[in-house]
Amino acid sequence: MSTNKQSRVQSRRVSDLPEVKRRRRLENLLYTGKRVSQLATEYRSHGLEEHIELYLLQLEVEQVLADEFPDAFEEHIGSWAEDEAAAEHRPLVTAETCSLCHAISAHRADGAEAPLAA
């Protein structure tokens, strides 16, 4: 009897594996989309040309998310747009949420002369 119970438990774990993988993929896509969006916004705010490449990557991640997880895409796309708009800042202005601003500030604190944002 105990062998049968173990078989059922193991069978259930194996059948849950595709769902676990799918959930993990969704979590990874959501994180990647948000982070790439943040980076694209920061690079754009500092006038760095790489923002175009990051924006194109952001669009690719969003398209994969829309194709594979349309409900999650619809749920998150509005907040991503709001977050992106809120994270934009003018050149030469330090923003608390900008990782590039933090890096520039840390570099200046070390006594080196850092280039300003564009």
PDB file of N, CA and C in Angstrom:
ATOM      1  N   MET A   1       0.804  -1.190   0.000  1.00  0.00           N
ATOM      2  CA  MET A   1       0.000   0.000   0.000  1.00  0.00           C
ATOM      3  C   MET A   1       0.856   1.266   0.000  1.00  0.00           C
ATOM      4  N   SER A   2       1.863   1.299   0.820  1.00  0.00           N
ATOM      5  CA  SER A   2       2.683   2.500   0.869  1.00  0.00           C
ATOM      6  C   SER A   2       3.390   2.745  -0.458  1.00  0.00           C
ATOM      7  N   THR A   3       3.703   1.716  -1.194  1.00  0.00           N
ATOM      8  CA  THR A   3       4.328   1.856  -2.507  1.00  0.00           C
ATOM      9  C   THR A   3       3.369   2.542  -3.469  1.00  0.00           C
ATOM     10  N   ASN A   4       2.106   2.184  -3.410  1.00  0.00           N
ATOM     11  CA  ASN A   4       1.108   2.816  -4.273  1.00  0.00           C
ATOM     12  C   ASN A   4       0.959   4.296  -3.943  1.00  0.00           C
ATOM     13  N   LYS A   5       0.987   4.631  -2.652  1.00  0.00           N
ATOM     14  CA  LYS A   5       0.889   6.027  -2.254  1.00  0.00           C
ATOM     15  C   LYS A   5       2.066   6.824  -2.799  1.00  0.00           C
ATOM     16  N   GLN A   6       3.265   6.262  -2.694  1.00  0.00           N
ATOM     17  CA  GLN A   6       4.445   6.947  -3.211  1.00  0.00           C
ATOM     18  C   GLN A   6       4.342   7.140  -4.715  1.00  0.00           C
ATOM     19  N   SER A   7       3.850   6.152  -5.418  1.00  0.00           N
ATOM     20  CA  SER A   7       3.709   6.244  -6.868  1.00  0.00           C
ATOM     21  C   SER A   7       2.755   7.374  -7.244  1.00  0.00           C
ATOM     22  N   ARG A   8       1.658   7.489  -6.524  1.00  0.00           N
ATOM     23  CA  ARG A   8       0.702   8.559  -6.810  1.00  0.00           C
ATOM     24  C   ARG A   8       1.306   9.931  -6.531  1.00  0.00           C
ATOM     25  N   VAL A   9       2.035  10.049  -5.445  1.00  0.00           N
ATOM     26  CA  VAL A   9       2.678  11.320  -5.105  1.00  0.00           C
ATOM     27  C   VAL A   9       3.720  11.674  -6.153  1.00  0.00           C
ATOM     28  N   GLN A  10       4.555  10.720  -6.532  1.00  0.00           N
ATOM     29  CA  GLN A  10       5.573  10.971  -7.552  1.00  0.00           C
ATOM     30  C   GLN A  10       4.926  11.304  -8.885  1.00  0.00           C
ATOM     31  N   SER A  11       3.845  10.619  -9.219  1.00  0.00           N
ATOM     32  CA  SER A  11       3.133  10.876 -10.462  1.00  0.00           C
ATOM     33  C   SER A  11       2.582  12.298 -10.472  1.00  0.00           C
ATOM     34  N   ARG A  12       2.049  12.731  -9.353  1.00  0.00           N
ATOM     35  CA  ARG A  12       1.516  14.080  -9.244  1.00  0.00           C
ATOM     36  C   ARG A  12       2.641  15.113  -9.395  1.00  0.00           C
ATOM     37  N   ARG A  13       3.790  14.867  -8.791  1.00  0.00           N
ATOM     38  CA  ARG A  13       4.923  15.782  -8.904  1.00  0.00           C
ATOM     39  C   ARG A  13       5.381  15.905 -10.349  1.00  0.00           C
ATOM     40  N   VAL A  14       5.438  14.774 -11.046  1.00  0.00           N
ATOM     41  CA  VAL A  14       5.860  14.788 -12.438  1.00  0.00           C
ATOM     42  C   VAL A  14       4.842  15.541 -13.285  1.00  0.00           C
ATOM     43  N   SER A  15       3.568  15.333 -13.038  1.00  0.00           N
ATOM     44  CA  SER A  15       2.549  16.026 -13.822  1.00  0.00           C
ATOM     45  C   SER A  15       2.519  17.520 -13.525  1.00  0.00           C
ATOM     46  N   ASP A  16       2.976  17.944 -12.356  1.00  0.00           N
ATOM     47  CA  ASP A  16       3.036  19.360 -12.009  1.00  0.00           C
ATOM     48  C   ASP A  16       4.241  20.053 -12.625  1.00  0.00           C
ATOM     49  N   LEU A  17       5.218  19.295 -13.072  1.00  0.00           N
ATOM     50  CA  LEU A  17       6.449  19.879 -13.594  1.00  0.00           C
ATOM     51  C   LEU A  17       6.218  20.853 -14.759  1.00  0.00           C
ATOM     52  N   PRO A  18       5.414  20.522 -15.750  1.00  0.00           N
ATOM     53  CA  PRO A  18       5.178  21.494 -16.825  1.00  0.00           C
ATOM     54  C   PRO A  18       4.571  22.799 -16.315  1.00  0.00           C
ATOM     55  N   GLU A  19       3.663  22.696 -15.353  1.00  0.00           N
ATOM     56  CA  GLU A  19       3.057  23.908 -14.796  1.00  0.00           C
ATOM     57  C   GLU A  19       4.085  24.731 -14.026  1.00  0.00           C
ATOM     58  N   VAL A  20       4.940  24.072 -13.297  1.00  0.00           N
ATOM     59  CA  VAL A  20       6.003  24.767 -12.562  1.00  0.00           C
ATOM     60  C   VAL A  20       6.931  25.471 -13.545  1.00  0.00           C
ATOM     61  N   LYS A  21       7.300  24.791 -14.621  1.00  0.00           N
ATOM     62  CA  LYS A  21       8.163  25.396 -15.638  1.00  0.00           C
ATOM     63  C   LYS A  21       7.477  26.596 -16.296  1.00  0.00           C
ATOM     64  N   ARG A  22       6.208  26.467 -16.559  1.00  0.00           N
ATOM     65  CA  ARG A  22       5.456  27.562 -17.182  1.00  0.00           C
ATOM     66  C   ARG A  22       5.388  28.771 -16.250  1.00  0.00           C
ATOM     67  N   ARG A  23       5.109  28.518 -14.973  1.00  0.00           N
ATOM     68  CA  ARG A  23       5.049  29.609 -13.991  1.00  0.00           C
ATOM     69  C   ARG A  23       6.409  30.280 -13.851  1.00  0.00           C
ATOM     70  N   ARG A  24       7.468  29.466 -13.850  1.00  0.00           N
ATOM     71  CA  ARG A  24       8.825  29.999 -13.745  1.00  0.00           C
ATOM     72  C   ARG A  24       9.176  30.864 -14.960  1.00  0.00           C
ATOM     73  N   ARG A  25       8.762  30.419 -16.137  1.00  0.00           N
ATOM     74  CA  ARG A  25       9.006  31.195 -17.356  1.00  0.00           C
ATOM     75  C   ARG A  25       8.277  32.535 -17.283  1.00  0.00           C
ATOM     76  N   LEU A  26       7.041  32.501 -16.817  1.00  0.00           N
ATOM     77  CA  LEU A  26       6.280  33.740 -16.659  1.00  0.00           C
ATOM     78  C   LEU A  26       6.992  34.692 -15.706  1.00  0.00           C
ATOM     79  N   GLU A  27       7.432  34.189 -14.561  1.00  0.00           N
ATOM     80  CA  GLU A  27       8.140  35.027 -13.589  1.00  0.00           C
ATOM     81  C   GLU A  27       9.407  35.619 -14.195  1.00  0.00           C
ATOM     82  N   ASN A  28      10.147  34.818 -14.941  1.00  0.00           N
ATOM     83  CA  ASN A  28      11.375  35.310 -15.573  1.00  0.00           C
ATOM     84  C   ASN A  28      11.083  36.360 -16.631  1.00  0.00           C
ATOM     85  N   LEU A  29      10.052  36.152 -17.431  1.00  0.00           N
ATOM     86  CA  LEU A  29       9.694  37.143 -18.448  1.00  0.00           C
ATOM     87  C   LEU A  29       9.237  38.450 -17.815  1.00  0.00           C
ATOM     88  N   LEU A  30       8.452  38.362 -16.755  1.00  0.00           N
ATOM     89  CA  LEU A  30       7.996  39.573 -16.075  1.00  0.00           C
ATOM     90  C   LEU A  30       9.171  40.352 -15.488  1.00  0.00           C
ATOM     91  N   TYR A  31      10.079  39.650 -14.833  1.00  0.00           N
ATOM     92  CA  TYR A  31      11.247  40.316 -14.258  1.00  0.00           C
ATOM     93  C   TYR A  31      12.113  40.935 -15.356  1.00  0.00           C
ATOM     94  N   THR A  32      12.373  40.164 -16.406  1.00  0.00           N
ATOM     95  CA  THR A  32      13.224  40.650 -17.493  1.00  0.00           C
ATOM     96  C   THR A  32      12.583  41.858 -18.167  1.00  0.00           C
ATOM     97  N   GLY A  33      11.297  41.784 -18.413  1.00  0.00           N
ATOM     98  CA  GLY A  33      10.608  42.914 -19.042  1.00  0.00           C
ATOM     99  C   GLY A  33      10.698  44.174 -18.212  1.00  0.00           C
ATOM    100  N   LYS A  34      10.487  44.034 -16.927  1.00  0.00           N
ATOM    101  CA  LYS A  34      10.541  45.202 -16.040  1.00  0.00           C
ATOM    102  C   LYS A  34      11.955  45.781 -15.968  1.00  0.00           C
ATOM    103  N   ARG A  35      12.943  44.922 -15.840  1.00  0.00           N
ATOM    104  CA  ARG A  35      14.329  45.394 -15.709  1.00  0.00           C
ATOM    105  C   ARG A  35      14.827  46.037 -16.999  1.00  0.00           C
ATOM    106  N   VAL A  36      14.522  45.428 -18.137  1.00  0.00           N
ATOM    107  CA  VAL A  36      14.956  46.000 -19.414  1.00  0.00           C
ATOM    108  C   VAL A  36      14.259  47.341 -19.643  1.00  0.00           C
ATOM    109  N   SER A  37      13.006  47.428 -19.267  1.00  0.00           N
ATOM    110  CA  SER A  37      12.273  48.691 -19.379  1.00  0.00           C
ATOM    111  C   SER A  37      12.929  49.781 -18.524  1.00  0.00           C
ATOM    112  N   GLN A  38      13.315  49.420 -17.295  1.00  0.00           N
ATOM    113  CA  GLN A  38      13.994  50.373 -16.411  1.00  0.00           C
ATOM    114  C   GLN A  38      15.306  50.845 -17.028  1.00  0.00           C
ATOM    115  N   LEU A  39      16.082  49.901 -17.531  1.00  0.00           N
ATOM    116  CA  LEU A  39      17.365  50.263 -18.135  1.00  0.00           C
ATOM    117  C   LEU A  39      17.188  51.141 -19.363  1.00  0.00           C
ATOM    118  N   ALA A  40      16.223  50.805 -20.214  1.00  0.00           N
ATOM    119  CA  ALA A  40      15.974  51.611 -21.409  1.00  0.00           C
ATOM    120  C   ALA A  40      15.614  53.041 -21.019  1.00  0.00           C
ATOM    121  N   THR A  41      14.786  53.188 -19.994  1.00  0.00           N
ATOM    122  CA  THR A  41      14.383  54.509 -19.518  1.00  0.00           C
ATOM    123  C   THR A  41      15.583  55.275 -18.963  1.00  0.00           C
ATOM    124  N   GLU A  42      16.409  54.608 -18.174  1.00  0.00           N
ATOM    125  CA  GLU A  42      17.585  55.262 -17.602  1.00  0.00           C
ATOM    126  C   GLU A  42      18.568  55.700 -18.689  1.00  0.00           C
ATOM    127  N   TYR A  43      18.830  54.818 -19.632  1.00  0.00           N
ATOM    128  CA  TYR A  43      19.751  55.152 -20.717  1.00  0.00           C
ATOM    129  C   TYR A  43      19.191  56.306 -21.546  1.00  0.00           C
ATOM    130  N   ARG A  44      17.885  56.288 -21.815  1.00  0.00           N
ATOM    131  CA  ARG A  44      17.253  57.368 -22.574  1.00  0.00           C
ATOM    132  C   ARG A  44      17.355  58.683 -21.800  1.00  0.00           C
ATOM    133  N   SER A  45      17.134  58.643 -20.498  1.00  0.00           N
ATOM    134  CA  SER A  45      17.205  59.850 -19.677  1.00  0.00           C
ATOM    135  C   SER A  45      18.605  60.457 -19.675  1.00  0.00           C
ATOM    136  N   HIS A  46      19.608  59.615 -19.837  1.00  0.00           N
ATOM    137  CA  HIS A  46      20.991  60.092 -19.834  1.00  0.00           C
ATOM    138  C   HIS A  46      21.525  60.324 -21.247  1.00  0.00           C
ATOM    139  N   GLY A  47      20.657  60.167 -22.237  1.00  0.00           N
ATOM    140  CA  GLY A  47      21.041  60.443 -23.613  1.00  0.00           C
ATOM    141  C   GLY A  47      22.020  59.439 -24.199  1.00  0.00           C
ATOM    142  N   LEU A  48      22.032  58.231 -23.686  1.00  0.00           N
ATOM    143  CA  LEU A  48      22.943  57.209 -24.181  1.00  0.00           C
ATOM    144  C   LEU A  48      22.308  56.482 -25.369  1.00  0.00           C
ATOM    145  N   GLU A  49      23.091  56.287 -26.422  1.00  0.00           N
ATOM    146  CA  GLU A  49      22.567  55.679 -27.643  1.00  0.00           C
ATOM    147  C   GLU A  49      22.075  54.250 -27.443  1.00  0.00           C
ATOM    148  N   GLU A  50      22.617  53.556 -26.467  1.00  0.00           N
ATOM    149  CA  GLU A  50      22.231  52.162 -26.243  1.00  0.00           C
ATOM    150  C   GLU A  50      20.768  52.011 -25.859  1.00  0.00           C
ATOM    151  N   HIS A  51      20.102  53.128 -25.545  1.00  0.00           N
ATOM    152  CA  HIS A  51      18.689  53.026 -25.161  1.00  0.00           C
ATOM    153  C   HIS A  51      17.848  52.441 -26.291  1.00  0.00           C
ATOM    154  N   ILE A  52      18.266  52.619 -27.526  1.00  0.00           N
ATOM    155  CA  ILE A  52      17.517  52.072 -28.662  1.00  0.00           C
ATOM    156  C   ILE A  52      17.575  50.545 -28.642  1.00  0.00           C
ATOM    157  N   GLU A  53      18.763  50.001 -28.422  1.00  0.00           N
ATOM    158  CA  GLU A  53      18.905  48.542 -28.347  1.00  0.00           C
ATOM    159  C   GLU A  53      18.100  47.979 -27.181  1.00  0.00           C
ATOM    160  N   LEU A  54      18.147  48.652 -26.055  1.00  0.00           N
ATOM    161  CA  LEU A  54      17.388  48.193 -24.890  1.00  0.00           C
ATOM    162  C   LEU A  54      15.889  48.278 -25.140  1.00  0.00           C
ATOM    163  N   TYR A  55      15.454  49.329 -25.823  1.00  0.00           N
ATOM    164  CA  TYR A  55      14.034  49.468 -26.138  1.00  0.00           C
ATOM    165  C   TYR A  55      13.574  48.351 -27.069  1.00  0.00           C
ATOM    166  N   LEU A  56      14.389  48.013 -28.058  1.00  0.00           N
ATOM    167  CA  LEU A  56      14.044  46.918 -28.968  1.00  0.00           C
ATOM    168  C   LEU A  56      13.982  45.586 -28.215  1.00  0.00           C
ATOM    169  N   LEU A  57      14.904  45.386 -27.284  1.00  0.00           N
ATOM    170  CA  LEU A  57      14.864  44.183 -26.452  1.00  0.00           C
ATOM    171  C   LEU A  57      13.607  44.173 -25.592  1.00  0.00           C
ATOM    172  N   GLN A  58      13.253  45.314 -25.062  1.00  0.00           N
ATOM    173  CA  GLN A  58      12.029  45.434 -24.262  1.00  0.00           C
ATOM    174  C   GLN A  58      10.814  45.029 -25.098  1.00  0.00           C
ATOM    175  N   LEU A  59      10.752  45.492 -26.335  1.00  0.00           N
ATOM    176  CA  LEU A  59       9.631  45.135 -27.204  1.00  0.00           C
ATOM    177  C   LEU A  59       9.593  43.636 -27.493  1.00  0.00           C
ATOM    178  N   GLU A  60      10.768  43.036 -27.674  1.00  0.00           N
ATOM    179  CA  GLU A  60      10.824  41.589 -27.908  1.00  0.00           C
ATOM    180  C   GLU A  60      10.297  40.804 -26.709  1.00  0.00           C
ATOM    181  N   VAL A  61      10.734  41.200 -25.515  1.00  0.00           N
ATOM    182  CA  VAL A  61      10.292  40.511 -24.298  1.00  0.00           C
ATOM    183  C   VAL A  61       8.784  40.682 -24.129  1.00  0.00           C
ATOM    184  N   GLU A  62       8.288  41.889 -24.368  1.00  0.00           N
ATOM    185  CA  GLU A  62       6.856  42.132 -24.243  1.00  0.00           C
ATOM    186  C   GLU A  62       6.068  41.317 -25.267  1.00  0.00           C
ATOM    187  N   GLN A  63       6.616  41.150 -26.475  1.00  0.00           N
ATOM    188  CA  GLN A  63       5.917  40.364 -27.495  1.00  0.00           C
ATOM    189  C   GLN A  63       5.846  38.887 -27.103  1.00  0.00           C
ATOM    190  N   VAL A  64       6.954  38.354 -26.575  1.00  0.00           N
ATOM    191  CA  VAL A  64       6.947  36.962 -26.119  1.00  0.00           C
ATOM    192  C   VAL A  64       5.934  36.794 -24.990  1.00  0.00           C
ATOM    193  N   LEU A  65       5.922  37.735 -24.084  1.00  0.00           N
ATOM    194  CA  LEU A  65       4.966  37.690 -22.976  1.00  0.00           C
ATOM    195  C   LEU A  65       3.529  37.754 -23.497  1.00  0.00           C
ATOM    196  N   ALA A  66       3.269  38.629 -24.443  1.00  0.00           N
ATOM    197  CA  ALA A  66       1.923  38.757 -25.009  1.00  0.00           C
ATOM    198  C   ALA A  66       1.504  37.473 -25.732  1.00  0.00           C
ATOM    199  N   ASP A  67       2.456  36.833 -26.412  1.00  0.00           N
ATOM    200  CA  ASP A  67       2.153  35.605 -27.142  1.00  0.00           C
ATOM    201  C   ASP A  67       1.909  34.421 -26.209  1.00  0.00           C
ATOM    202  N   GLU A  68       2.767  34.281 -25.200  1.00  0.00           N
ATOM    203  CA  GLU A  68       2.708  33.104 -24.338  1.00  0.00           C
ATOM    204  C   GLU A  68       1.778  33.267 -23.133  1.00  0.00           C
ATOM    205  N   PHE A  69       1.654  34.489 -22.645  1.00  0.00           N
ATOM    206  CA  PHE A  69       0.855  34.753 -21.444  1.00  0.00           C
ATOM    207  C   PHE A  69       0.017  36.020 -21.646  1.00  0.00           C
ATOM    208  N   PRO A  70      -0.962  35.990 -22.529  1.00  0.00           N
ATOM    209  CA  PRO A  70      -1.714  37.210 -22.857  1.00  0.00           C
ATOM    210  C   PRO A  70      -2.418  37.847 -21.650  1.00  0.00           C
ATOM    211  N   ASP A  71      -2.928  37.044 -20.741  1.00  0.00           N
ATOM    212  CA  ASP A  71      -3.605  37.611 -19.566  1.00  0.00           C
ATOM    213  C   ASP A  71      -2.627  38.368 -18.673  1.00  0.00           C
ATOM    214  N   ALA A  72      -1.471  37.796 -18.439  1.00  0.00           N
ATOM    215  CA  ALA A  72      -0.452  38.463 -17.617  1.00  0.00           C
ATOM    216  C   ALA A  72       0.047  39.721 -18.308  1.00  0.00           C
ATOM    217  N   PHE A  73       0.201  39.658 -19.613  1.00  0.00           N
ATOM    218  CA  PHE A  73       0.636  40.834 -20.371  1.00  0.00           C
ATOM    219  C   PHE A  73      -0.357  41.977 -20.180  1.00  0.00           C
ATOM    220  N   GLU A  74      -1.634  41.684 -20.364  1.00  0.00           N
ATOM    221  CA  GLU A  74      -2.669  42.720 -20.201  1.00  0.00           C
ATOM    222  C   GLU A  74      -2.687  43.271 -18.780  1.00  0.00           C
ATOM    223  N   GLU A  75      -2.431  42.408 -17.830  1.00  0.00           N
ATOM    224  CA  GLU A  75      -2.441  42.819 -16.422  1.00  0.00           C
ATOM    225  C   GLU A  75      -1.292  43.771 -16.087  1.00  0.00           C
ATOM    226  N   HIS A  76      -0.125  43.577 -16.714  1.00  0.00           N
ATOM    227  CA  HIS A  76       1.067  44.332 -16.328  1.00  0.00           C
ATOM    228  C   HIS A  76       1.438  45.480 -17.259  1.00  0.00           C
ATOM    229  N   ILE A  77       0.989  45.485 -18.496  1.00  0.00           N
ATOM    230  CA  ILE A  77       1.469  46.474 -19.460  1.00  0.00           C
ATOM    231  C   ILE A  77       1.147  47.911 -19.032  1.00  0.00           C
ATOM    232  N   GLY A  78       0.001  48.121 -18.435  1.00  0.00           N
ATOM    233  CA  GLY A  78      -0.360  49.471 -17.987  1.00  0.00           C
ATOM    234  C   GLY A  78       0.559  49.993 -16.899  1.00  0.00           C
ATOM    235  N   SER A  79       0.863  49.145 -15.930  1.00  0.00           N
ATOM    236  CA  SER A  79       1.743  49.583 -14.834  1.00  0.00           C
ATOM    237  C   SER A  79       3.174  49.788 -15.336  1.00  0.00           C
ATOM    238  N   TRP A  80       3.589  48.980 -16.338  1.00  0.00           N
ATOM    239  CA  TRP A  80       4.931  49.189 -16.896  1.00  0.00           C
ATOM    240  C   TRP A  80       5.029  50.566 -17.550  1.00  0.00           C
ATOM    241  N   ALA A  81       3.998  50.943 -18.287  1.00  0.00           N
ATOM    242  CA  ALA A  81       4.001  52.252 -18.948  1.00  0.00           C
ATOM    243  C   ALA A  81       4.046  53.377 -17.912  1.00  0.00           C
ATOM    244  N   GLU A  82       3.287  53.226 -16.839  1.00  0.00           N
ATOM    245  CA  GLU A  82       3.297  54.225 -15.766  1.00  0.00           C
ATOM    246  C   GLU A  82       4.661  54.290 -15.089  1.00  0.00           C
ATOM    247  N   ASP A  83       5.249  53.126 -14.805  1.00  0.00           N
ATOM    248  CA  ASP A  83       6.568  53.079 -14.165  1.00  0.00           C
ATOM    249  C   ASP A  83       7.627  53.726 -15.060  1.00  0.00           C
ATOM    250  N   GLU A  84       7.519  53.444 -16.346  1.00  0.00           N
ATOM    251  CA  GLU A  84       8.480  53.999 -17.303  1.00  0.00           C
ATOM    252  C   GLU A  84       8.378  55.522 -17.341  1.00  0.00           C
ATOM    253  N   ALA A  85       7.152  56.033 -17.399  1.00  0.00           N
ATOM    254  CA  ALA A  85       6.956  57.482 -17.428  1.00  0.00           C
ATOM    255  C   ALA A  85       7.456  58.130 -16.138  1.00  0.00           C
ATOM    256  N   ALA A  86       7.227  57.484 -15.019  1.00  0.00           N
ATOM    257  CA  ALA A  86       7.669  58.032 -13.729  1.00  0.00           C
ATOM    258  C   ALA A  86       9.189  58.011 -13.588  1.00  0.00           C
ATOM    259  N   ALA A  87       9.837  57.043 -14.225  1.00  0.00           N
ATOM    260  CA  ALA A  87      11.294  56.909 -14.095  1.00  0.00           C
ATOM    261  C   ALA A  87      12.065  57.868 -15.002  1.00  0.00           C
ATOM    262  N   GLU A  88      11.419  58.407 -16.024  1.00  0.00           N
ATOM    263  CA  GLU A  88      12.083  59.369 -16.910  1.00  0.00           C
ATOM    264  C   GLU A  88      12.510  60.581 -16.082  1.00  0.00           C
ATOM    265  N   HIS A  89      13.682  61.087 -16.397  1.00  0.00           N
ATOM    266  CA  HIS A  89      14.099  62.331 -15.756  1.00  0.00           C
ATOM    267  C   HIS A  89      14.920  63.145 -16.732  1.00  0.00           C
ATOM    268  N   ARG A  90      15.012  64.404 -16.454  1.00  0.00           N
ATOM    269  CA  ARG A  90      15.739  65.306 -17.343  1.00  0.00           C
ATOM    270  C   ARG A  90      17.232  65.082 -17.210  1.00  0.00           C
ATOM    271  N   PRO A  91      17.949  65.301 -18.303  1.00  0.00           N
ATOM    272  CA  PRO A  91      19.413  65.228 -18.218  1.00  0.00           C
ATOM    273  C   PRO A  91      19.927  66.218 -17.172  1.00  0.00           C
ATOM    274  N   LEU A  92      21.023  65.889 -16.556  1.00  0.00           N
ATOM    275  CA  LEU A  92      21.686  66.708 -15.536  1.00  0.00           C
ATOM    276  C   LEU A  92      20.901  66.791 -14.234  1.00  0.00           C
ATOM    277  N   VAL A  93      19.849  66.018 -14.110  1.00  0.00           N
ATOM    278  CA  VAL A  93      19.068  65.963 -12.879  1.00  0.00           C
ATOM    279  C   VAL A  93      19.250  64.568 -12.297  1.00  0.00           C
ATOM    280  N   THR A  94      19.597  64.504 -11.024  1.00  0.00           N
ATOM    281  CA  THR A  94      19.795  63.210 -10.372  1.00  0.00           C
ATOM    282  C   THR A  94      18.453  62.680  -9.881  1.00  0.00           C
ATOM    283  N   ALA A  95      18.174  61.432 -10.232  1.00  0.00           N
ATOM    284  CA  ALA A  95      16.932  60.784  -9.799  1.00  0.00           C
ATOM    285  C   ALA A  95      17.278  59.662  -8.826  1.00  0.00           C
ATOM    286  N   GLU A  96      16.525  59.574  -7.753  1.00  0.00           N
ATOM    287  CA  GLU A  96      16.787  58.555  -6.723  1.00  0.00           C
ATOM    288  C   GLU A  96      16.628  57.139  -7.250  1.00  0.00           C
ATOM    289  N   THR A  97      15.727  56.928  -8.200  1.00  0.00           N
ATOM    290  CA  THR A  97      15.437  55.583  -8.687  1.00  0.00           C
ATOM    291  C   THR A  97      16.325  55.158  -9.853  1.00  0.00           C
ATOM    292  N   CYS A  98      17.198  56.027 -10.316  1.00  0.00           N
ATOM    293  CA  CYS A  98      18.020  55.747 -11.498  1.00  0.00           C
ATOM    294  C   CYS A  98      19.361  55.128 -11.099  1.00  0.00           C
ATOM    295  N   SER A  99      19.620  53.919 -11.593  1.00  0.00           N
ATOM    296  CA  SER A  99      20.880  53.246 -11.252  1.00  0.00           C
ATOM    297  C   SER A  99      22.086  53.959 -11.859  1.00  0.00           C
ATOM    298  N   LEU A 100      21.913  54.601 -13.002  1.00  0.00           N
ATOM    299  CA  LEU A 100      23.019  55.365 -13.592  1.00  0.00           C
ATOM    300  C   LEU A 100      23.355  56.597 -12.754  1.00  0.00           C
ATOM    301  N   CYS A 101      22.338  57.252 -12.232  1.00  0.00           N
ATOM    302  CA  CYS A 101      22.575  58.397 -11.341  1.00  0.00           C
ATOM    303  C   CYS A 101      23.329  57.951 -10.084  1.00  0.00           C
ATOM    304  N   HIS A 102      22.966  56.796  -9.557  1.00  0.00           N
ATOM    305  CA  HIS A 102      23.660  56.255  -8.377  1.00  0.00           C
ATOM    306  C   HIS A 102      25.113  55.951  -8.709  1.00  0.00           C
ATOM    307  N   ALA A 103      25.354  55.370  -9.876  1.00  0.00           N
ATOM    308  CA  ALA A 103      26.723  55.044 -10.275  1.00  0.00           C
ATOM    309  C   ALA A 103      27.549  56.310 -10.463  1.00  0.00           C
ATOM    310  N   ILE A 104      26.960  57.323 -11.071  1.00  0.00           N
ATOM    311  CA  ILE A 104      27.665  58.597 -11.270  1.00  0.00           C
ATOM    312  C   ILE A 104      27.966  59.236  -9.927  1.00  0.00           C
ATOM    313  N   SER A 105      27.000  59.228  -9.020  1.00  0.00           N
ATOM    314  CA  SER A 105      27.204  59.810  -7.687  1.00  0.00           C
ATOM    315  C   SER A 105      28.294  59.070  -6.924  1.00  0.00           C
ATOM    316  N   ALA A 106      28.290  57.749  -7.014  1.00  0.00           N
ATOM    317  CA  ALA A 106      29.317  56.959  -6.326  1.00  0.00           C
ATOM    318  C   ALA A 106      30.689  57.245  -6.920  1.00  0.00           C
ATOM    319  N   HIS A 107      30.752  57.395  -8.214  1.00  0.00           N
ATOM    320  CA  HIS A 107      32.020  57.693  -8.876  1.00  0.00           C
ATOM    321  C   HIS A 107      32.536  59.066  -8.446  1.00  0.00           C
ATOM    322  N   ARG A 108      31.659  60.030  -8.353  1.00  0.00           N
ATOM    323  CA  ARG A 108      32.049  61.379  -7.909  1.00  0.00           C
ATOM    324  C   ARG A 108      32.470  61.379  -6.444  1.00  0.00           C
ATOM    325  N   ALA A 109      31.828  60.547  -5.650  1.00  0.00           N
ATOM    326  CA  ALA A 109      32.175  60.477  -4.233  1.00  0.00           C
ATOM    327  C   ALA A 109      33.593  59.940  -4.039  1.00  0.00           C
ATOM    328  N   ASP A 110      34.067  59.153  -5.003  1.00  0.00           N
ATOM    329  CA  ASP A 110      35.433  58.633  -4.947  1.00  0.00           C
ATOM    330  C   ASP A 110      36.465  59.691  -5.311  1.00  0.00           C
ATOM    331  N   GLY A 111      35.989  60.865  -5.714  1.00  0.00           N
ATOM    332  CA  GLY A 111      36.910  61.950  -6.024  1.00  0.00           C
ATOM    333  C   GLY A 111      37.257  62.061  -7.501  1.00  0.00           C
ATOM    334  N   ALA A 112      36.763  61.172  -8.303  1.00  0.00           N
ATOM    335  CA  ALA A 112      37.037  61.246  -9.745  1.00  0.00           C
ATOM    336  C   ALA A 112      36.034  62.169 -10.402  1.00  0.00           C
ATOM    337  N   GLU A 113      36.439  62.764 -11.491  1.00  0.00           N
ATOM    338  CA  GLU A 113      35.554  63.641 -12.248  1.00  0.00           C
ATOM    339  C   GLU A 113      34.749  62.802 -13.225  1.00  0.00           C
ATOM    340  N   ALA A 114      33.461  62.713 -13.031  1.00  0.00           N
ATOM    341  CA  ALA A 114      32.604  61.894 -13.883  1.00  0.00           C
ATOM    342  C   ALA A 114      31.925  62.770 -14.928  1.00  0.00           C
ATOM    343  N   PRO A 115      31.712  62.222 -16.103  1.00  0.00           N
ATOM    344  CA  PRO A 115      30.961  62.989 -17.107  1.00  0.00           C
ATOM    345  C   PRO A 115      29.510  63.117 -16.665  1.00  0.00           C
ATOM    346  N   LEU A 116      28.911  64.247 -16.963  1.00  0.00           N
ATOM    347  CA  LEU A 116      27.514  64.468 -16.627  1.00  0.00           C
ATOM    348  C   LEU A 116      26.625  63.759 -17.618  1.00  0.00           C
ATOM    349  N   ALA A 117      25.394  63.607 -17.240  1.00  0.00           N
ATOM    350  CA  ALA A 117      24.429  63.041 -18.174  1.00  0.00           C
ATOM    351  C   ALA A 117      24.291  64.006 -19.356  1.00  0.00           C
ATOM    352  N   ALA A 118      23.925  63.455 -20.488  1.00  0.00           N
ATOM    353  CA  ALA A 118      23.821  64.271 -21.709  1.00  0.00           C
ATOM    354  C   ALA A 118      22.788  65.351 -21.572  1.00  0.00           C
TER     355      ALA A 118
END
